[in-house]
Amino acid sequence: MIFYFSGTGNSQYVAESIAKGTNDTAQNIATLTKNLTRIEDIKIGDKLGIVFPIYAWRAPEIVTSFVKRLLIPEGTYVYAVCTCGAEAAYTMRFFNKTIKLNSCWSLTMPDNYIKMWDVNTYEEALKKVEAAEAKFPAIFDAINSKKSITDVPLGSIPFIKSYIINPFFKKVYNTAKGYTVESSCTSCGLCEKLCPLNNIVLFNGKPIWGDNCNQCMACIHHCPVKAIQYGKVTQKRGRYTFKGMFQGR
């Protein structure tokens, strides 16, 4: 059983790829949470995988909250795979406090945090995806064999990133304040539908953001007419979704 969280599709692609490579199923944490779906019992002998993106060098709160609800039988092989634009720092050290991991991996995938920087070019993104895919066979083998593996490059200053920058980031940036919508909005409602925390509602056909933002960036990247902006910094920056850039992969 694999549970994943994904804002723009990187972690979804990884989770679904692992599901194929390990004869398993992948379920969307956001969908389960939004719909208050009953979580299927984890059976003795099952393998449990959690796949998620890194937000400021830790796991998203929606993921840690979800995992705390799981009833995990003793002896379950538990693994996690995180996706990130560069390095993971101590993400898995923190996540291991939430759920005891037998194995964990980090995969570099295309950037999507356009509040701070632009998206990767197609060539840059493809290079990251192909490098991640090259690791798939070893990951599949480890999971199928229930091996204990840790393959998580920490990068530079991991302590500062996960222990100091992350709390500051959540306090200052983990908010929907700053999101705006332009007149080109077509009132399609996709942003409202995709928000994993039900933090967006349409009022007079336009999105309004509440206070419970997870910074998944789904709304701004999936808008079909690029009507959602974050202040002025995103106006000249690109948009990215995995399926939009790599259709058919």
Protein backbone atom coordinates (compact mmCIF):
# COMPACT_ATOMS: atom_id res chain seq x y z
CA MET A 1 0.00 0.00 0.00
CA ILE A 2 1.38 3.38 -1.03
CA PHE A 3 0.09 6.76 0.07
CA TYR A 4 1.31 9.89 -1.68
CA PHE A 5 0.89 13.63 -1.57
CA SER A 6 1.61 15.74 -4.63
CA GLY A 7 0.92 19.35 -5.60
CA THR A 8 2.15 19.43 -9.17
CA GLY A 9 2.62 15.75 -9.95
CA ASN A 10 6.24 14.88 -9.16
CA SER A 11 5.48 12.70 -6.16
CA GLN A 12 2.40 11.25 -7.85
CA TYR A 13 4.55 10.06 -10.75
CA VAL A 14 7.09 8.54 -8.37
CA ALA A 15 4.40 6.83 -6.28
CA GLU A 16 2.61 5.40 -9.31
CA SER A 17 5.93 4.21 -10.76
CA ILE A 18 6.80 2.45 -7.50
CA ALA A 19 3.33 0.90 -7.43
CA LYS A 20 3.91 -0.58 -10.88
CA GLY A 21 7.38 -1.78 -9.97
CA THR A 22 6.26 -3.45 -6.75
CA ASN A 23 2.80 -4.69 -7.77
CA ASP A 24 1.13 -2.32 -5.33
CA THR A 25 -1.49 0.44 -5.36
CA ALA A 26 -1.02 4.18 -4.84
CA GLN A 27 -3.61 6.37 -3.10
CA ASN A 28 -3.72 10.16 -2.95
CA ILE A 29 -3.53 11.52 0.61
CA ALA A 30 -5.22 14.77 -0.45
CA THR A 31 -8.21 12.93 -1.92
CA LEU A 32 -8.54 10.69 1.12
CA THR A 33 -8.34 13.70 3.44
CA LYS A 34 -10.72 15.96 1.49
CA ASN A 35 -13.37 13.26 1.12
CA LEU A 36 -12.93 11.90 4.66
CA THR A 37 -12.46 8.49 3.08
CA ARG A 38 -12.03 5.52 5.38
CA ILE A 39 -8.47 4.29 5.13
CA GLU A 40 -8.13 0.64 4.25
CA ASP A 41 -6.62 -1.45 7.04
CA ILE A 42 -2.95 -2.28 6.70
CA LYS A 43 -2.65 -6.05 6.94
CA ILE A 44 0.08 -8.01 8.65
CA GLY A 45 2.86 -8.62 6.15
CA ASP A 46 1.95 -5.66 3.96
CA LYS A 47 4.48 -3.13 2.76
CA LEU A 48 3.66 0.52 3.48
CA GLY A 49 5.11 3.34 1.39
CA ILE A 50 4.78 7.10 1.87
CA VAL A 51 5.78 9.40 -1.01
CA PHE A 52 5.82 13.17 -0.62
CA PRO A 53 7.53 16.42 -1.69
CA ILE A 54 9.84 18.28 0.64
CA TYR A 55 8.64 21.66 1.88
CA ALA A 56 11.50 23.69 3.32
CA TRP A 57 13.44 20.53 4.14
CA ARG A 58 10.74 18.67 6.04
CA ALA A 59 7.65 16.65 5.19
CA PRO A 60 4.41 18.62 4.62
CA GLU A 61 2.15 18.79 7.66
CA ILE A 62 -0.72 17.17 5.74
CA VAL A 63 1.51 14.10 5.32
CA THR A 64 2.66 13.86 8.93
CA SER A 65 -0.91 14.37 10.17
CA PHE A 66 -2.18 11.64 7.85
CA VAL A 67 0.52 9.17 8.86
CA LYS A 68 -0.29 9.65 12.54
CA ARG A 69 -3.79 8.31 11.82
CA LEU A 70 -2.54 5.03 10.39
CA LEU A 71 -2.76 1.82 12.40
CA ILE A 72 0.38 -0.05 11.41
CA PRO A 73 0.77 -3.70 12.46
CA GLU A 74 4.05 -4.67 14.06
CA GLY A 75 6.51 -6.00 11.53
CA THR A 76 5.20 -3.94 8.60
CA TYR A 77 7.94 -2.95 6.16
CA VAL A 78 7.69 0.84 6.04
CA TYR A 79 9.51 3.03 3.54
CA ALA A 80 9.38 6.64 2.40
CA VAL A 81 10.44 8.45 -0.75
CA CYS A 82 10.69 12.23 -0.80
CA THR A 83 11.02 14.41 -3.89
CA CYS A 84 12.88 17.70 -3.89
CA GLY A 85 14.41 20.28 -6.18
CA ALA A 86 17.93 19.80 -4.82
CA GLU A 87 18.65 18.11 -1.48
CA ALA A 88 16.66 16.67 1.42
CA ALA A 89 18.67 17.84 4.45
CA TYR A 90 17.24 16.16 7.59
CA THR A 91 13.75 15.60 6.19
CA MET A 92 13.85 11.87 6.83
CA ARG A 93 15.35 12.27 10.29
CA PHE A 94 12.26 14.26 11.26
CA PHE A 95 9.88 11.99 9.38
CA ASN A 96 11.32 8.93 11.12
CA LYS A 97 10.08 10.45 14.38
CA THR A 98 6.53 10.34 12.99
CA ILE A 99 6.73 6.84 11.55
CA LYS A 100 9.51 4.30 12.02
CA LEU A 101 11.12 3.72 8.63
CA ASN A 102 12.88 0.61 7.38
CA SER A 103 14.10 2.36 4.23
CA CYS A 104 14.06 5.83 2.73
CA TRP A 105 15.10 7.55 -0.47
CA SER A 106 15.28 11.07 -1.87
CA LEU A 107 14.78 11.81 -5.56
CA THR A 108 15.57 15.13 -7.22
CA MET A 109 12.69 16.28 -9.42
CA PRO A 110 11.79 19.50 -11.30
CA ASP A 111 11.36 22.68 -9.24
CA ASN A 112 7.93 24.22 -8.75
CA TYR A 113 8.33 26.80 -5.97
CA ILE A 114 7.91 29.86 -8.16
CA LYS A 115 7.39 32.13 -5.19
CA MET A 116 11.18 32.13 -4.92
CA TRP A 117 12.57 31.05 -8.31
CA ASP A 118 11.49 30.18 -11.83
CA VAL A 119 10.69 26.69 -13.04
CA ASN A 120 13.34 24.55 -14.70
CA THR A 121 13.68 24.55 -18.46
CA TYR A 122 12.47 21.40 -20.21
CA GLU A 123 16.06 20.23 -20.60
CA GLU A 124 16.83 20.80 -16.91
CA ALA A 125 13.61 19.09 -15.83
CA LEU A 126 14.16 16.12 -18.13
CA LYS A 127 17.67 15.62 -16.77
CA LYS A 128 16.29 15.46 -13.22
CA VAL A 129 13.48 13.07 -14.16
CA GLU A 130 15.78 10.72 -16.04
CA ALA A 131 18.24 10.67 -13.12
CA ALA A 132 15.37 9.80 -10.77
CA GLU A 133 14.10 7.08 -13.09
CA ALA A 134 17.58 5.56 -13.20
CA LYS A 135 17.21 4.88 -9.46
CA PHE A 136 13.83 3.16 -9.82
CA PRO A 137 15.09 -0.42 -10.39
CA ALA A 138 17.19 -0.37 -7.20
CA ILE A 139 14.28 1.10 -5.24
CA PHE A 140 11.85 -1.50 -6.59
CA ASP A 141 14.27 -4.31 -5.72
CA ALA A 142 14.83 -3.03 -2.19
CA ILE A 143 11.10 -2.72 -1.53
CA ASN A 144 10.26 -6.12 -3.01
CA SER A 145 13.05 -7.70 -0.97
CA LYS A 146 12.26 -5.62 2.13
CA LYS A 147 15.84 -4.42 2.40
CA SER A 148 16.94 -1.69 4.79
CA ILE A 149 18.28 1.17 2.67
CA THR A 150 18.94 4.85 3.30
CA ASP A 151 19.72 6.89 0.20
CA VAL A 152 19.05 10.50 1.12
CA PRO A 153 21.71 13.07 0.15
CA LEU A 154 21.74 15.69 2.89
CA GLY A 155 23.31 18.53 0.92
CA SER A 156 24.98 21.49 2.59
CA ILE A 157 24.12 22.83 6.07
CA PRO A 158 21.33 20.25 6.64
CA PHE A 159 20.90 21.16 10.32
CA ILE A 160 20.32 24.83 9.55
CA LYS A 161 17.87 24.02 6.75
CA SER A 162 15.68 21.52 8.62
CA TYR A 163 15.97 22.83 12.18
CA ILE A 164 16.19 26.60 11.71
CA ILE A 165 14.97 27.63 8.25
CA ASN A 166 11.95 25.30 8.26
CA PRO A 167 10.28 26.75 11.40
CA PHE A 168 10.95 30.26 10.09
CA PHE A 169 9.52 29.32 6.69
CA LYS A 170 6.34 27.88 8.19
CA LYS A 171 5.83 30.95 10.36
CA VAL A 172 6.43 33.51 7.59
CA TYR A 173 5.60 31.81 4.29
CA ASN A 174 3.14 29.02 5.11
CA THR A 175 0.19 31.25 4.32
CA ALA A 176 -2.07 32.01 1.38
CA LYS A 177 -1.65 35.76 1.86
CA GLY A 178 -0.27 37.21 -1.33
CA TYR A 179 -2.21 35.07 -3.77
CA THR A 180 -4.28 37.10 -6.22
CA VAL A 181 -6.43 36.33 -9.24
CA GLU A 182 -6.44 38.29 -12.48
CA SER A 183 -9.41 39.23 -14.66
CA SER A 184 -8.51 36.44 -17.07
CA CYS A 185 -9.91 33.91 -14.57
CA THR A 186 -12.60 31.78 -16.26
CA SER A 187 -14.24 30.60 -13.01
CA CYS A 188 -13.48 26.98 -13.92
CA GLY A 189 -13.14 26.05 -10.23
CA LEU A 190 -10.10 23.84 -10.75
CA CYS A 191 -8.14 25.60 -8.00
CA GLU A 192 -10.96 24.99 -5.52
CA LYS A 193 -11.19 21.34 -6.56
CA LEU A 194 -7.46 20.69 -6.30
CA CYS A 195 -6.72 22.41 -2.99
CA PRO A 196 -5.90 19.53 -0.60
CA LEU A 197 -6.94 21.51 2.48
CA ASN A 198 -10.23 22.91 1.14
CA ASN A 199 -8.67 26.33 1.59
CA ILE A 200 -10.07 27.83 -1.63
CA VAL A 201 -13.69 28.76 -2.29
CA LEU A 202 -15.19 30.54 -5.27
CA PHE A 203 -17.03 33.78 -4.49
CA ASN A 204 -18.74 35.44 -7.44
CA GLY A 205 -16.81 33.03 -9.60
CA LYS A 206 -13.37 34.01 -8.29
CA PRO A 207 -11.13 32.11 -5.85
CA ILE A 208 -10.72 33.31 -2.29
CA TRP A 209 -8.00 31.80 -0.11
CA GLY A 210 -8.43 30.99 3.57
CA ASP A 211 -5.77 30.71 6.27
CA ASN A 212 -4.96 26.99 6.00
CA CYS A 213 -2.38 26.91 3.19
CA ASN A 214 0.11 24.09 2.80
CA GLN A 215 2.18 25.77 0.04
CA CYS A 216 1.63 22.84 -2.35
CA MET A 217 1.38 25.31 -5.28
CA ALA A 218 -1.32 23.23 -6.97
CA CYS A 219 -3.62 26.20 -7.55
CA ILE A 220 -1.06 28.46 -9.20
CA HIS A 221 0.48 25.79 -11.41
CA HIS A 222 -2.71 24.07 -12.55
CA CYS A 223 -4.64 27.23 -13.47
CA PRO A 224 -5.29 26.71 -17.20
CA VAL A 225 -5.09 30.43 -18.02
CA LYS A 226 -2.32 31.42 -15.59
CA ALA A 227 -4.71 33.78 -13.81
CA ILE A 228 -3.41 33.06 -10.30
CA GLN A 229 -0.39 35.03 -9.16
CA TYR A 230 1.61 35.47 -5.99
CA GLY A 231 2.10 39.21 -5.77
CA LYS A 232 4.13 40.36 -8.75
CA VAL A 233 6.97 37.84 -8.47
CA THR A 234 5.22 35.08 -10.43
CA GLN A 235 3.91 37.17 -13.32
CA LYS A 236 6.92 36.52 -15.53
CA ARG A 237 7.69 33.04 -14.22
CA GLY A 238 6.65 29.79 -15.82
CA ARG A 239 4.24 27.15 -14.59
CA TYR A 240 4.93 23.46 -14.12
CA THR A 241 2.98 20.25 -13.75
CA PHE A 242 4.53 16.87 -14.37
CA LYS A 243 1.81 15.75 -16.76
CA GLY A 244 1.87 19.09 -18.55
CA MET A 245 5.58 18.84 -19.27
CA PHE A 246 5.91 15.08 -19.66
CA GLN A 247 2.67 13.87 -21.20
CA GLY A 248 2.64 10.14 -21.77
CA ARG A 249 5.56 9.41 -19.46
